[in-house]
Amino acid sequence: MAAGVAALVLAGCGGNGDDGGDFSTPPNAAVRLQGTDDAVRELGNIATTTDLVDVSSAASASTAAVPMARAFGPKQMQHSLVHPAGMQARAALLPRAISNCAAGGTDNVVNSGSKSYSFDYFSTSGTVNYDTHVYSGCATGNTDGSITILDNQLEAGSTSDSVSGYVLSGSGNTPLRVRTSASSGNDSFLSDQALLGTLQLVNGSTTTDTRATLDTTLTVQETGFLDYHGSFVLGSGGNFYEVVSGNGSIAIDGDYGYTSNVDNCGGGYVTVSTPATLSLGATSAGSSFPVGGVLKIVSGNGTVNFTFNADGSATLSGNVSGTLDANTVGQTLQNGSSC
């Protein structure tokens, strides 16, 4: 969670899964909320949603913010060839100043300068400095030895005072595509992610309010593992997903959906809110974990409330009761989605 839990590397533990079915769009259905395992699964998913919108440093007049692949998916498929920090969504950014596609391909800045932009999610508008990039096989080498290739359009901009900013991933119905690959001997790794959506943010004196709608699909292939196929959606029915973070706190509001071929991750849609803003602090699991506040999730007729305690544990109520100890909470938020 931005300036807190989402500053951690977020990925999942994964399962065996299967390759049948269509995992490009979450089903319009409720997810199962019947036991502690279901509550833990969704807590991890929520951690990943905050990571997907964590581009508070991204809006810039002259550089483009590219959401990093691997904000979700099985954690086991990321450490044999590629260093986690090079592949995961941690700050949700790739290097933002790609000027010459050093490893091949082109980066065509089709528009650049200033213009009036409507921040619809905040019901305001302003003059922004922006760049519109159209990538075509734009390849760059990463410090871990992998190669990342960008295709299609990305636009990012901000007001001159850096108070407001935005990122547009893709254009029309054509998503931004981010592919990362690596190989060593007979082993190979390929992550292929498509992102289509709008992110807008406003920086306050102590917090950042980020609002987004995003559709993203991900396929991962790695030697020795079953292929991964999954998708995440932020926002639904024309409504955005909102994360307000900073000053040792975080509040979340909106709908997310997901599906994948990981076991028990058929998915559906979930509505999340924070009836009491989460306060972040140190626990036995580490720093910047919830130590107060209430997180609520609703899906269909199911409801789970997480009431976070000063020691970092969470008391569950609603359709699921019990307590998650501080280490379980911390590990779940650190690992993120298992789906």
C-alpha atoms as a PDB file:
ATOM      1  CA  MET A   1       0.000   0.000   0.000  1.00  0.00           C
ATOM      2  CA  ALA A   2       1.487   3.296  -1.082  1.00  0.00           C
ATOM      3  CA  ALA A   3       3.972   4.615   1.478  1.00  0.00           C
ATOM      4  CA  GLY A   4       3.062   1.506   3.414  1.00  0.00           C
ATOM      5  CA  VAL A   5       2.051  -2.029   2.601  1.00  0.00           C
ATOM      6  CA  ALA A   6       2.066  -1.570  -1.187  1.00  0.00           C
ATOM      7  CA  ALA A   7       5.644  -0.438  -1.025  1.00  0.00           C
ATOM      8  CA  LEU A   8       6.403  -4.108  -0.471  1.00  0.00           C
ATOM      9  CA  VAL A   9       6.934  -6.542  -3.307  1.00  0.00           C
ATOM     10  CA  LEU A  10       3.537  -8.039  -4.059  1.00  0.00           C
ATOM     11  CA  ALA A  11       3.161 -11.449  -5.629  1.00  0.00           C
ATOM     12  CA  GLY A  12       1.471 -14.696  -4.667  1.00  0.00           C
ATOM     13  CA  CYS A  13       2.252 -18.232  -3.685  1.00  0.00           C
ATOM     14  CA  GLY A  14       0.237 -19.781  -6.502  1.00  0.00           C
ATOM     15  CA  GLY A  15      -1.111 -23.260  -6.969  1.00  0.00           C
ATOM     16  CA  ASN A  16      -1.053 -26.055  -9.520  1.00  0.00           C
ATOM     17  CA  GLY A  17      -3.865 -24.615 -11.595  1.00  0.00           C
ATOM     18  CA  ASP A  18      -4.925 -25.860 -15.032  1.00  0.00           C
ATOM     19  CA  ASP A  19      -4.784 -24.458 -18.524  1.00  0.00           C
ATOM     20  CA  GLY A  20      -8.438 -24.889 -19.471  1.00  0.00           C
ATOM     21  CA  GLY A  21     -10.924 -22.037 -19.762  1.00  0.00           C
ATOM     22  CA  ASP A  22     -10.819 -18.347 -20.560  1.00  0.00           C
ATOM     23  CA  PHE A  23      -8.999 -16.290 -17.949  1.00  0.00           C
ATOM     24  CA  SER A  24      -8.967 -12.965 -19.832  1.00  0.00           C
ATOM     25  CA  THR A  25     -12.076 -11.564 -18.110  1.00  0.00           C
ATOM     26  CA  PRO A  26     -13.258 -12.069 -14.501  1.00  0.00           C
ATOM     27  CA  PRO A  27     -16.635 -13.804 -14.284  1.00  0.00           C
ATOM     28  CA  ASN A  28     -19.599 -11.642 -13.319  1.00  0.00           C
ATOM     29  CA  ALA A  29     -20.093 -13.618 -10.131  1.00  0.00           C
ATOM     30  CA  ALA A  30     -19.540 -13.529  -6.400  1.00  0.00           C
ATOM     31  CA  VAL A  31     -16.385 -15.014  -4.937  1.00  0.00           C
ATOM     32  CA  ARG A  32     -16.530 -17.544  -2.116  1.00  0.00           C
ATOM     33  CA  LEU A  33     -16.364 -15.971   1.351  1.00  0.00           C
ATOM     34  CA  GLN A  34     -16.883 -18.890   3.697  1.00  0.00           C
ATOM     35  CA  GLY A  35     -13.675 -19.550   5.566  1.00  0.00           C
ATOM     36  CA  THR A  36     -10.421 -18.093   6.796  1.00  0.00           C
ATOM     37  CA  ASP A  37      -8.627 -19.183   3.605  1.00  0.00           C
ATOM     38  CA  ASP A  38     -11.082 -17.099   1.567  1.00  0.00           C
ATOM     39  CA  ALA A  39     -10.492 -14.053   3.769  1.00  0.00           C
ATOM     40  CA  VAL A  40      -6.717 -14.440   3.437  1.00  0.00           C
ATOM     41  CA  ARG A  41      -7.005 -14.842  -0.354  1.00  0.00           C
ATOM     42  CA  GLU A  42      -8.921 -11.585  -0.685  1.00  0.00           C
ATOM     43  CA  LEU A  43      -6.595  -9.723   1.684  1.00  0.00           C
ATOM     44  CA  GLY A  44      -3.773 -10.667  -0.673  1.00  0.00           C
ATOM     45  CA  ASN A  45      -5.815  -9.575  -3.680  1.00  0.00           C
ATOM     46  CA  ILE A  46      -6.473  -6.193  -2.083  1.00  0.00           C
ATOM     47  CA  ALA A  47      -2.760  -5.723  -1.470  1.00  0.00           C
ATOM     48  CA  THR A  48      -2.204  -6.334  -5.180  1.00  0.00           C
ATOM     49  CA  THR A  49      -4.900  -3.857  -6.239  1.00  0.00           C
ATOM     50  CA  THR A  50      -3.168  -1.116  -4.263  1.00  0.00           C
ATOM     51  CA  ASP A  51       0.072  -2.016  -5.982  1.00  0.00           C
ATOM     52  CA  LEU A  52      -1.512  -1.817  -9.427  1.00  0.00           C
ATOM     53  CA  VAL A  53      -2.461   1.822  -8.785  1.00  0.00           C
ATOM     54  CA  ASP A  54       0.735   2.792  -6.968  1.00  0.00           C
ATOM     55  CA  VAL A  55       2.153   5.185  -9.564  1.00  0.00           C
ATOM     56  CA  SER A  56       2.130   8.290  -7.391  1.00  0.00           C
ATOM     57  CA  SER A  57       5.575   9.176  -8.693  1.00  0.00           C
ATOM     58  CA  ALA A  58       4.668   8.440 -12.294  1.00  0.00           C
ATOM     59  CA  ALA A  59       2.921  11.484 -13.711  1.00  0.00           C
ATOM     60  CA  SER A  60       5.599  13.584 -15.315  1.00  0.00           C
ATOM     61  CA  ALA A  61       5.774  16.121 -18.094  1.00  0.00           C
ATOM     62  CA  SER A  62       8.543  14.470 -20.080  1.00  0.00           C
ATOM     63  CA  THR A  63       8.623  10.810 -19.120  1.00  0.00           C
ATOM     64  CA  ALA A  64       6.116   7.990 -19.324  1.00  0.00           C
ATOM     65  CA  ALA A  65       5.079   5.715 -16.466  1.00  0.00           C
ATOM     66  CA  VAL A  66       4.799   2.080 -17.448  1.00  0.00           C
ATOM     67  CA  PRO A  67       3.035  -0.262 -15.006  1.00  0.00           C
ATOM     68  CA  MET A  68       5.331  -3.195 -14.330  1.00  0.00           C
ATOM     69  CA  ALA A  69       4.187  -6.683 -15.173  1.00  0.00           C
ATOM     70  CA  ARG A  70       3.741  -9.275 -12.409  1.00  0.00           C
ATOM     71  CA  ALA A  71       1.579  -7.473  -9.902  1.00  0.00           C
ATOM     72  CA  PHE A  72      -0.184 -10.789  -9.527  1.00  0.00           C
ATOM     73  CA  GLY A  73       0.304 -14.428 -10.397  1.00  0.00           C
ATOM     74  CA  PRO A  74       2.137 -17.298  -8.701  1.00  0.00           C
ATOM     75  CA  LYS A  75       5.221 -16.224  -6.801  1.00  0.00           C
ATOM     76  CA  GLN A  76       6.996 -19.507  -7.536  1.00  0.00           C
ATOM     77  CA  MET A  77       7.334 -18.498 -11.204  1.00  0.00           C
ATOM     78  CA  GLN A  78       9.590 -15.511 -10.718  1.00  0.00           C
ATOM     79  CA  HIS A  79      12.775 -16.327  -8.905  1.00  0.00           C
ATOM     80  CA  SER A  80      14.647 -18.982 -10.892  1.00  0.00           C
ATOM     81  CA  LEU A  81      15.738 -16.693 -13.738  1.00  0.00           C
ATOM     82  CA  VAL A  82      14.714 -13.156 -12.894  1.00  0.00           C
ATOM     83  CA  HIS A  83      15.451 -11.266  -9.685  1.00  0.00           C
ATOM     84  CA  PRO A  84      12.098 -10.419  -7.998  1.00  0.00           C
ATOM     85  CA  ALA A  85      12.818  -6.701  -7.789  1.00  0.00           C
ATOM     86  CA  GLY A  86      13.237  -6.667 -11.546  1.00  0.00           C
ATOM     87  CA  MET A  87       9.962  -8.402 -12.281  1.00  0.00           C
ATOM     88  CA  GLN A  88       7.381  -7.569  -9.664  1.00  0.00           C
ATOM     89  CA  ALA A  89       5.052  -4.617  -9.530  1.00  0.00           C
ATOM     90  CA  ARG A  90       6.505  -3.196  -6.301  1.00  0.00           C
ATOM     91  CA  ALA A  91       6.308   0.486  -7.238  1.00  0.00           C
ATOM     92  CA  ALA A  92       4.386  -0.465 -10.398  1.00  0.00           C
ATOM     93  CA  LEU A  93       6.894   1.258 -12.651  1.00  0.00           C
ATOM     94  CA  LEU A  94       9.388   0.394 -15.303  1.00  0.00           C
ATOM     95  CA  PRO A  95      12.142   2.908 -16.072  1.00  0.00           C
ATOM     96  CA  ARG A  96      10.139   5.934 -17.146  1.00  0.00           C
ATOM     97  CA  ALA A  97      12.578   7.707 -19.449  1.00  0.00           C
ATOM     98  CA  ILE A  98      12.868   5.321 -22.369  1.00  0.00           C
ATOM     99  CA  SER A  99      14.315   7.579 -25.040  1.00  0.00           C
ATOM    100  CA  ASN A 100      16.057   5.350 -27.532  1.00  0.00           C
ATOM    101  CA  CYS A 101      15.043   1.694 -27.159  1.00  0.00           C
ATOM    102  CA  ALA A 102      18.655   0.623 -26.733  1.00  0.00           C
ATOM    103  CA  ALA A 103      17.948  -3.068 -27.394  1.00  0.00           C
ATOM    104  CA  GLY A 104      15.877  -2.486 -30.542  1.00  0.00           C
ATOM    105  CA  GLY A 105      12.517  -1.159 -31.669  1.00  0.00           C
ATOM    106  CA  THR A 106      11.178   2.388 -31.669  1.00  0.00           C
ATOM    107  CA  ASP A 107       9.666   4.885 -29.255  1.00  0.00           C
ATOM    108  CA  ASN A 108       7.707   7.468 -31.231  1.00  0.00           C
ATOM    109  CA  VAL A 109       6.659  10.508 -29.190  1.00  0.00           C
ATOM    110  CA  VAL A 110       3.640  11.448 -31.287  1.00  0.00           C
ATOM    111  CA  ASN A 111       2.526  14.309 -29.055  1.00  0.00           C
ATOM    112  CA  SER A 112       4.309  16.395 -26.432  1.00  0.00           C
ATOM    113  CA  GLY A 113       3.729  19.751 -24.821  1.00  0.00           C
ATOM    114  CA  SER A 114       0.860  21.275 -22.881  1.00  0.00           C
ATOM    115  CA  LYS A 115      -2.882  20.906 -23.189  1.00  0.00           C
ATOM    116  CA  SER A 116      -6.095  21.091 -21.191  1.00  0.00           C
ATOM    117  CA  TYR A 117      -6.924  17.782 -19.550  1.00  0.00           C
ATOM    118  CA  SER A 118     -10.141  16.789 -17.807  1.00  0.00           C
ATOM    119  CA  PHE A 119      -9.591  14.934 -14.550  1.00  0.00           C
ATOM    120  CA  ASP A 120     -13.024  13.327 -14.746  1.00  0.00           C
ATOM    121  CA  TYR A 121     -12.539  11.156 -11.658  1.00  0.00           C
ATOM    122  CA  PHE A 122     -12.069  14.358  -9.617  1.00  0.00           C
ATOM    123  CA  SER A 123     -14.592  16.502 -11.534  1.00  0.00           C
ATOM    124  CA  THR A 124     -11.966  19.090 -12.395  1.00  0.00           C
ATOM    125  CA  SER A 125      -9.648  20.062 -15.235  1.00  0.00           C
ATOM    126  CA  GLY A 126      -6.311  21.770 -15.703  1.00  0.00           C
ATOM    127  CA  THR A 127      -3.421  22.476 -18.018  1.00  0.00           C
ATOM    128  CA  VAL A 128      -0.926  19.625 -18.101  1.00  0.00           C
ATOM    129  CA  ASN A 129       2.487  18.993 -19.586  1.00  0.00           C
ATOM    130  CA  TYR A 130       2.420  15.576 -21.236  1.00  0.00           C
ATOM    131  CA  ASP A 131       4.008  13.056 -23.591  1.00  0.00           C
ATOM    132  CA  THR A 132       2.249  10.490 -25.782  1.00  0.00           C
ATOM    133  CA  HIS A 133       4.471   7.551 -26.671  1.00  0.00           C
ATOM    134  CA  VAL A 134       3.728   4.929 -29.316  1.00  0.00           C
ATOM    135  CA  TYR A 135       6.053   1.977 -28.822  1.00  0.00           C
ATOM    136  CA  SER A 136       6.863  -0.595 -31.469  1.00  0.00           C
ATOM    137  CA  GLY A 137       8.970  -3.449 -30.192  1.00  0.00           C
ATOM    138  CA  CYS A 138      10.769  -0.979 -27.927  1.00  0.00           C
ATOM    139  CA  ALA A 139      13.270  -3.132 -26.054  1.00  0.00           C
ATOM    140  CA  THR A 140      15.414  -2.265 -23.069  1.00  0.00           C
ATOM    141  CA  GLY A 141      17.749  -4.373 -20.972  1.00  0.00           C
ATOM    142  CA  ASN A 142      17.153  -4.675 -17.239  1.00  0.00           C
ATOM    143  CA  THR A 143      19.827  -4.902 -14.550  1.00  0.00           C
ATOM    144  CA  ASP A 144      18.850  -8.516 -13.836  1.00  0.00           C
ATOM    145  CA  GLY A 145      19.687  -9.525 -17.416  1.00  0.00           C
ATOM    146  CA  SER A 146      16.110  -9.724 -18.653  1.00  0.00           C
ATOM    147  CA  ILE A 147      14.736  -7.805 -21.645  1.00  0.00           C
ATOM    148  CA  THR A 148      11.502  -5.788 -21.562  1.00  0.00           C
ATOM    149  CA  ILE A 149       9.660  -4.942 -24.787  1.00  0.00           C
ATOM    150  CA  LEU A 150       6.905  -2.319 -25.002  1.00  0.00           C
ATOM    151  CA  ASP A 151       4.240  -2.051 -27.703  1.00  0.00           C
ATOM    152  CA  ASN A 152       1.378   0.354 -28.368  1.00  0.00           C
ATOM    153  CA  GLN A 153       0.457   3.637 -26.716  1.00  0.00           C
ATOM    154  CA  LEU A 154       1.166   5.217 -23.352  1.00  0.00           C
ATOM    155  CA  GLU A 155       0.488   8.797 -22.268  1.00  0.00           C
ATOM    156  CA  ALA A 156       1.417  10.496 -19.004  1.00  0.00           C
ATOM    157  CA  GLY A 157       1.188  14.085 -17.832  1.00  0.00           C
ATOM    158  CA  SER A 158       0.927  16.381 -14.849  1.00  0.00           C
ATOM    159  CA  THR A 159       0.095  19.933 -13.927  1.00  0.00           C
ATOM    160  CA  SER A 160       3.038  22.311 -13.630  1.00  0.00           C
ATOM    161  CA  ASP A 161       2.796  22.269  -9.833  1.00  0.00           C
ATOM    162  CA  SER A 162       2.791  18.428  -9.835  1.00  0.00           C
ATOM    163  CA  VAL A 163      -0.401  18.405  -7.768  1.00  0.00           C
ATOM    164  CA  SER A 164      -2.415  16.483 -10.355  1.00  0.00           C
ATOM    165  CA  GLY A 165      -1.293  13.814 -12.784  1.00  0.00           C
ATOM    166  CA  TYR A 166      -2.540  11.019 -14.998  1.00  0.00           C
ATOM    167  CA  VAL A 167      -1.447   7.908 -16.889  1.00  0.00           C
ATOM    168  CA  LEU A 168      -3.297   6.435 -19.881  1.00  0.00           C
ATOM    169  CA  SER A 169      -2.280   2.849 -20.652  1.00  0.00           C
ATOM    170  CA  GLY A 170      -3.276   1.847 -24.172  1.00  0.00           C
ATOM    171  CA  SER A 171      -5.580   3.651 -26.573  1.00  0.00           C
ATOM    172  CA  GLY A 172      -9.125   2.827 -27.646  1.00  0.00           C
ATOM    173  CA  ASN A 173      -9.452  -0.931 -27.401  1.00  0.00           C
ATOM    174  CA  THR A 174      -5.720  -1.540 -27.911  1.00  0.00           C
ATOM    175  CA  PRO A 175      -3.862  -2.142 -24.634  1.00  0.00           C
ATOM    176  CA  LEU A 176      -0.310  -1.264 -23.780  1.00  0.00           C
ATOM    177  CA  ARG A 177       1.711  -4.457 -23.967  1.00  0.00           C
ATOM    178  CA  VAL A 178       4.655  -5.190 -21.666  1.00  0.00           C
ATOM    179  CA  ARG A 179       6.705  -8.342 -22.300  1.00  0.00           C
ATOM    180  CA  THR A 180       9.682  -9.375 -20.214  1.00  0.00           C
ATOM    181  CA  SER A 181      11.845 -12.381 -21.008  1.00  0.00           C
ATOM    182  CA  ALA A 182      14.994 -14.055 -19.812  1.00  0.00           C
ATOM    183  CA  SER A 183      16.898 -17.231 -20.619  1.00  0.00           C
ATOM    184  CA  SER A 184      19.771 -19.237 -19.221  1.00  0.00           C
ATOM    185  CA  GLY A 185      20.877 -22.502 -20.805  1.00  0.00           C
ATOM    186  CA  ASN A 186      17.780 -24.610 -21.357  1.00  0.00           C
ATOM    187  CA  ASP A 187      15.641 -22.485 -19.031  1.00  0.00           C
ATOM    188  CA  SER A 188      13.483 -19.594 -20.174  1.00  0.00           C
ATOM    189  CA  PHE A 189      11.012 -17.100 -18.733  1.00  0.00           C
ATOM    190  CA  LEU A 190       8.347 -14.956 -20.450  1.00  0.00           C
ATOM    191  CA  SER A 191       5.892 -12.549 -18.853  1.00  0.00           C
ATOM    192  CA  ASP A 192       3.352 -10.995 -21.241  1.00  0.00           C
ATOM    193  CA  GLN A 193       0.999  -8.378 -19.774  1.00  0.00           C
ATOM    194  CA  ALA A 194      -1.613  -6.168 -21.435  1.00  0.00           C
ATOM    195  CA  LEU A 195      -2.908  -3.019 -19.691  1.00  0.00           C
ATOM    196  CA  LEU A 196      -5.789  -0.782 -20.724  1.00  0.00           C
ATOM    197  CA  GLY A 197      -7.066   1.969 -18.470  1.00  0.00           C
ATOM    198  CA  THR A 198      -6.877   5.393 -16.897  1.00  0.00           C
ATOM    199  CA  LEU A 199      -5.216   6.463 -13.664  1.00  0.00           C
ATOM    200  CA  GLN A 200      -5.602   9.944 -12.169  1.00  0.00           C
ATOM    201  CA  LEU A 201      -4.133  11.283  -8.952  1.00  0.00           C
ATOM    202  CA  VAL A 202      -4.104  14.369  -6.790  1.00  0.00           C
ATOM    203  CA  ASN A 203      -1.326  15.006  -4.285  1.00  0.00           C
ATOM    204  CA  GLY A 204      -2.440  16.674  -1.068  1.00  0.00           C
ATOM    205  CA  SER A 205      -0.242  18.074   1.663  1.00  0.00           C
ATOM    206  CA  THR A 206       0.146  14.674   3.353  1.00  0.00           C
ATOM    207  CA  THR A 207      -1.721  12.129   1.208  1.00  0.00           C
ATOM    208  CA  THR A 208      -2.139  11.074  -2.415  1.00  0.00           C
ATOM    209  CA  ASP A 209      -5.612  10.287  -3.770  1.00  0.00           C
ATOM    210  CA  THR A 210      -5.346   7.835  -6.687  1.00  0.00           C
ATOM    211  CA  ARG A 211      -8.382   6.830  -8.745  1.00  0.00           C
ATOM    212  CA  ALA A 212      -8.220   4.310 -11.576  1.00  0.00           C
ATOM    213  CA  THR A 213     -10.033   2.026 -13.942  1.00  0.00           C
ATOM    214  CA  LEU A 214      -7.836  -0.730 -15.333  1.00  0.00           C
ATOM    215  CA  ASP A 215      -8.151  -3.998 -17.223  1.00  0.00           C
ATOM    216  CA  THR A 216      -5.000  -6.107 -17.205  1.00  0.00           C
ATOM    217  CA  THR A 217      -4.263  -9.645 -18.355  1.00  0.00           C
ATOM    218  CA  LEU A 218      -1.112 -11.633 -17.726  1.00  0.00           C
ATOM    219  CA  THR A 219       0.437 -14.799 -19.131  1.00  0.00           C
ATOM    220  CA  VAL A 220       3.624 -16.223 -17.644  1.00  0.00           C
ATOM    221  CA  GLN A 221       5.640 -19.114 -19.026  1.00  0.00           C
ATOM    222  CA  GLU A 222       8.691 -20.510 -17.254  1.00  0.00           C
ATOM    223  CA  THR A 223      10.610 -23.733 -17.693  1.00  0.00           C
ATOM    224  CA  GLY A 224       9.556 -26.256 -15.078  1.00  0.00           C
ATOM    225  CA  PHE A 225       6.198 -24.637 -14.239  1.00  0.00           C
ATOM    226  CA  LEU A 226       2.683 -24.801 -15.620  1.00  0.00           C
ATOM    227  CA  ASP A 227       1.769 -21.740 -17.660  1.00  0.00           C
ATOM    228  CA  TYR A 228      -0.034 -19.000 -15.733  1.00  0.00           C
ATOM    229  CA  HIS A 229      -3.050 -17.154 -17.198  1.00  0.00           C
ATOM    230  CA  GLY A 230      -4.931 -14.484 -15.245  1.00  0.00           C
ATOM    231  CA  SER A 231      -6.562 -11.087 -15.223  1.00  0.00           C
ATOM    232  CA  PHE A 232      -7.416  -8.261 -12.841  1.00  0.00           C
ATOM    233  CA  VAL A 233      -9.956  -5.473 -13.248  1.00  0.00           C
ATOM    234  CA  LEU A 234     -10.084  -2.312 -11.130  1.00  0.00           C
ATOM    235  CA  GLY A 235     -13.371  -0.418 -11.095  1.00  0.00           C
ATOM    236  CA  SER A 236     -16.685  -1.572 -12.526  1.00  0.00           C
ATOM    237  CA  GLY A 237     -19.822  -0.124 -14.058  1.00  0.00           C
ATOM    238  CA  GLY A 238     -18.046   3.098 -14.955  1.00  0.00           C
ATOM    239  CA  ASN A 239     -16.900   3.625 -11.367  1.00  0.00           C
ATOM    240  CA  PHE A 240     -13.234   4.012 -10.416  1.00  0.00           C
ATOM    241  CA  TYR A 241     -11.157   2.222  -7.790  1.00  0.00           C
ATOM    242  CA  GLU A 242      -9.737   4.605  -5.174  1.00  0.00           C
ATOM    243  CA  VAL A 243      -6.729   4.432  -2.873  1.00  0.00           C
ATOM    244  CA  VAL A 244      -5.901   7.348  -0.556  1.00  0.00           C
ATOM    245  CA  SER A 245      -2.516   6.880   1.102  1.00  0.00           C
ATOM    246  CA  GLY A 246       0.143   8.746   3.007  1.00  0.00           C
ATOM    247  CA  ASN A 247       0.914  10.060   6.468  1.00  0.00           C
ATOM    248  CA  GLY A 248       0.904   6.529   7.901  1.00  0.00           C
ATOM    249  CA  SER A 249      -2.577   5.637   6.693  1.00  0.00           C
ATOM    250  CA  ILE A 250      -4.500   4.167   3.777  1.00  0.00           C
ATOM    251  CA  ALA A 251      -8.160   4.097   2.718  1.00  0.00           C
ATOM    252  CA  ILE A 252      -9.565   1.977  -0.124  1.00  0.00           C
ATOM    253  CA  ASP A 253     -12.899   2.094  -1.912  1.00  0.00           C
ATOM    254  CA  GLY A 254     -14.273   0.415  -5.038  1.00  0.00           C
ATOM    255  CA  ASP A 255     -14.738  -2.820  -6.920  1.00  0.00           C
ATOM    256  CA  TYR A 256     -12.133  -5.224  -8.238  1.00  0.00           C
ATOM    257  CA  GLY A 257     -12.452  -8.451 -10.209  1.00  0.00           C
ATOM    258  CA  TYR A 258     -10.047 -11.272 -10.954  1.00  0.00           C
ATOM    259  CA  THR A 259      -9.687 -14.756 -12.359  1.00  0.00           C
ATOM    260  CA  SER A 260      -6.846 -17.148 -13.130  1.00  0.00           C
ATOM    261  CA  ASN A 261      -5.971 -20.796 -13.678  1.00  0.00           C
ATOM    262  CA  VAL A 262      -4.516 -21.043 -10.162  1.00  0.00           C
ATOM    263  CA  ASP A 263      -6.400 -23.417  -7.873  1.00  0.00           C
ATOM    264  CA  ASN A 264      -9.317 -21.770  -6.011  1.00  0.00           C
ATOM    265  CA  CYS A 265      -8.957 -18.573  -8.064  1.00  0.00           C
ATOM    266  CA  GLY A 266     -11.892 -18.832 -10.467  1.00  0.00           C
ATOM    267  CA  GLY A 267     -12.668 -15.388  -9.118  1.00  0.00           C
ATOM    268  CA  GLY A 268     -15.426 -12.859  -9.568  1.00  0.00           C
ATOM    269  CA  TYR A 269     -16.021  -9.329  -8.278  1.00  0.00           C
ATOM    270  CA  VAL A 270     -15.490  -7.888  -4.803  1.00  0.00           C
ATOM    271  CA  THR A 271     -16.402  -4.507  -3.297  1.00  0.00           C
ATOM    272  CA  VAL A 272     -13.880  -3.193  -0.780  1.00  0.00           C
ATOM    273  CA  SER A 273     -14.110  -0.258   1.615  1.00  0.00           C
ATOM    274  CA  THR A 274     -12.464   1.046   4.772  1.00  0.00           C
ATOM    275  CA  PRO A 275     -15.217   2.089   7.197  1.00  0.00           C
ATOM    276  CA  ALA A 276     -12.361   3.206   9.464  1.00  0.00           C
ATOM    277  CA  THR A 277      -9.158   4.345   7.729  1.00  0.00           C
ATOM    278  CA  LEU A 278      -6.279   1.939   8.244  1.00  0.00           C
ATOM    279  CA  SER A 279      -3.357   3.222  10.288  1.00  0.00           C
ATOM    280  CA  LEU A 280       0.060   1.737   9.521  1.00  0.00           C
ATOM    281  CA  GLY A 281       2.843   0.947  11.946  1.00  0.00           C
ATOM    282  CA  ALA A 282       5.398  -1.605  13.084  1.00  0.00           C
ATOM    283  CA  THR A 283       4.372  -5.156  14.035  1.00  0.00           C
ATOM    284  CA  SER A 284       6.219  -8.415  14.646  1.00  0.00           C
ATOM    285  CA  ALA A 285       5.960  -8.980  10.874  1.00  0.00           C
ATOM    286  CA  GLY A 286       7.740  -5.736   9.956  1.00  0.00           C
ATOM    287  CA  SER A 287       7.014  -2.083   9.407  1.00  0.00           C
ATOM    288  CA  SER A 288       4.139  -0.283   7.689  1.00  0.00           C
ATOM    289  CA  PHE A 289       1.470  -2.883   8.352  1.00  0.00           C
ATOM    290  CA  PRO A 290      -2.091  -2.128   9.568  1.00  0.00           C
ATOM    291  CA  VAL A 291      -2.290  -1.531  13.319  1.00  0.00           C
ATOM    292  CA  GLY A 292      -5.747   0.010  13.386  1.00  0.00           C
ATOM    293  CA  GLY A 293      -8.855   0.566  11.284  1.00  0.00           C
ATOM    294  CA  VAL A 294     -11.410  -1.635   9.544  1.00  0.00           C
ATOM    295  CA  LEU A 295     -11.318  -3.168   6.065  1.00  0.00           C
ATOM    296  CA  LYS A 296     -14.607  -4.501   4.672  1.00  0.00           C
ATOM    297  CA  ILE A 297     -15.157  -6.757   1.665  1.00  0.00           C
ATOM    298  CA  VAL A 298     -18.498  -7.703   0.138  1.00  0.00           C
ATOM    299  CA  SER A 299     -19.202 -10.150  -2.668  1.00  0.00           C
ATOM    300  CA  GLY A 300     -22.726 -11.341  -3.397  1.00  0.00           C
ATOM    301  CA  ASN A 301     -24.299 -12.184  -0.058  1.00  0.00           C
ATOM    302  CA  GLY A 302     -20.933 -12.616   1.624  1.00  0.00           C
ATOM    303  CA  THR A 303     -19.221 -10.069   3.877  1.00  0.00           C
ATOM    304  CA  VAL A 304     -15.956 -10.130   5.786  1.00  0.00           C
ATOM    305  CA  ASN A 305     -14.716  -7.382   8.110  1.00  0.00           C
ATOM    306  CA  PHE A 306     -11.045  -7.154   9.089  1.00  0.00           C
ATOM    307  CA  THR A 307     -10.604  -5.155  12.291  1.00  0.00           C
ATOM    308  CA  PHE A 308      -6.882  -4.547  12.707  1.00  0.00           C
ATOM    309  CA  ASN A 309      -5.427  -4.524  16.200  1.00  0.00           C
ATOM    310  CA  ALA A 310      -2.468  -2.629  17.628  1.00  0.00           C
ATOM    311  CA  ASP A 311      -0.276  -5.751  17.531  1.00  0.00           C
ATOM    312  CA  GLY A 312      -0.904  -6.200  13.796  1.00  0.00           C
ATOM    313  CA  SER A 313      -3.405  -9.028  14.092  1.00  0.00           C
ATOM    314  CA  ALA A 314      -6.862  -8.864  12.501  1.00  0.00           C
ATOM    315  CA  THR A 315     -10.183  -9.890  14.020  1.00  0.00           C
ATOM    316  CA  LEU A 316     -12.585 -11.291  11.407  1.00  0.00           C
ATOM    317  CA  SER A 317     -16.341 -10.869  11.506  1.00  0.00           C
ATOM    318  CA  GLY A 318     -19.294 -11.288   9.157  1.00  0.00           C
ATOM    319  CA  ASN A 319     -19.472 -14.549   7.212  1.00  0.00           C
ATOM    320  CA  VAL A 320     -16.032 -15.477   8.531  1.00  0.00           C
ATOM    321  CA  SER A 321     -14.998 -15.269  12.165  1.00  0.00           C
ATOM    322  CA  GLY A 322     -11.710 -15.750  13.940  1.00  0.00           C
ATOM    323  CA  THR A 323      -8.357 -14.002  14.199  1.00  0.00           C
ATOM    324  CA  LEU A 324      -5.416 -13.685  11.818  1.00  0.00           C
ATOM    325  CA  ASP A 325      -2.178 -13.292  13.739  1.00  0.00           C
ATOM    326  CA  ALA A 326       0.236 -10.480  12.886  1.00  0.00           C
ATOM    327  CA  ASN A 327       2.583 -12.753  10.945  1.00  0.00           C
ATOM    328  CA  THR A 328      -0.238 -14.085   8.766  1.00  0.00           C
ATOM    329  CA  VAL A 329      -1.413 -10.540   8.050  1.00  0.00           C
ATOM    330  CA  GLY A 330       2.104  -9.366   7.299  1.00  0.00           C
ATOM    331  CA  GLN A 331       3.002 -12.288   5.055  1.00  0.00           C
ATOM    332  CA  THR A 332      -0.262 -12.033   3.143  1.00  0.00           C
ATOM    333  CA  LEU A 333       0.189  -8.332   2.492  1.00  0.00           C
ATOM    334  CA  GLN A 334       3.841  -8.820   1.619  1.00  0.00           C
ATOM    335  CA  ASN A 335       3.215 -11.723  -0.761  1.00  0.00           C
ATOM    336  CA  GLY A 336       0.086 -10.209  -2.275  1.00  0.00           C
ATOM    337  CA  SER A 337      -2.285 -12.094  -4.519  1.00  0.00           C
ATOM    338  CA  SER A 338      -1.976 -15.846  -4.839  1.00  0.00           C
ATOM    339  CA  CYS A 339      -4.282 -15.557  -7.861  1.00  0.00           C
END
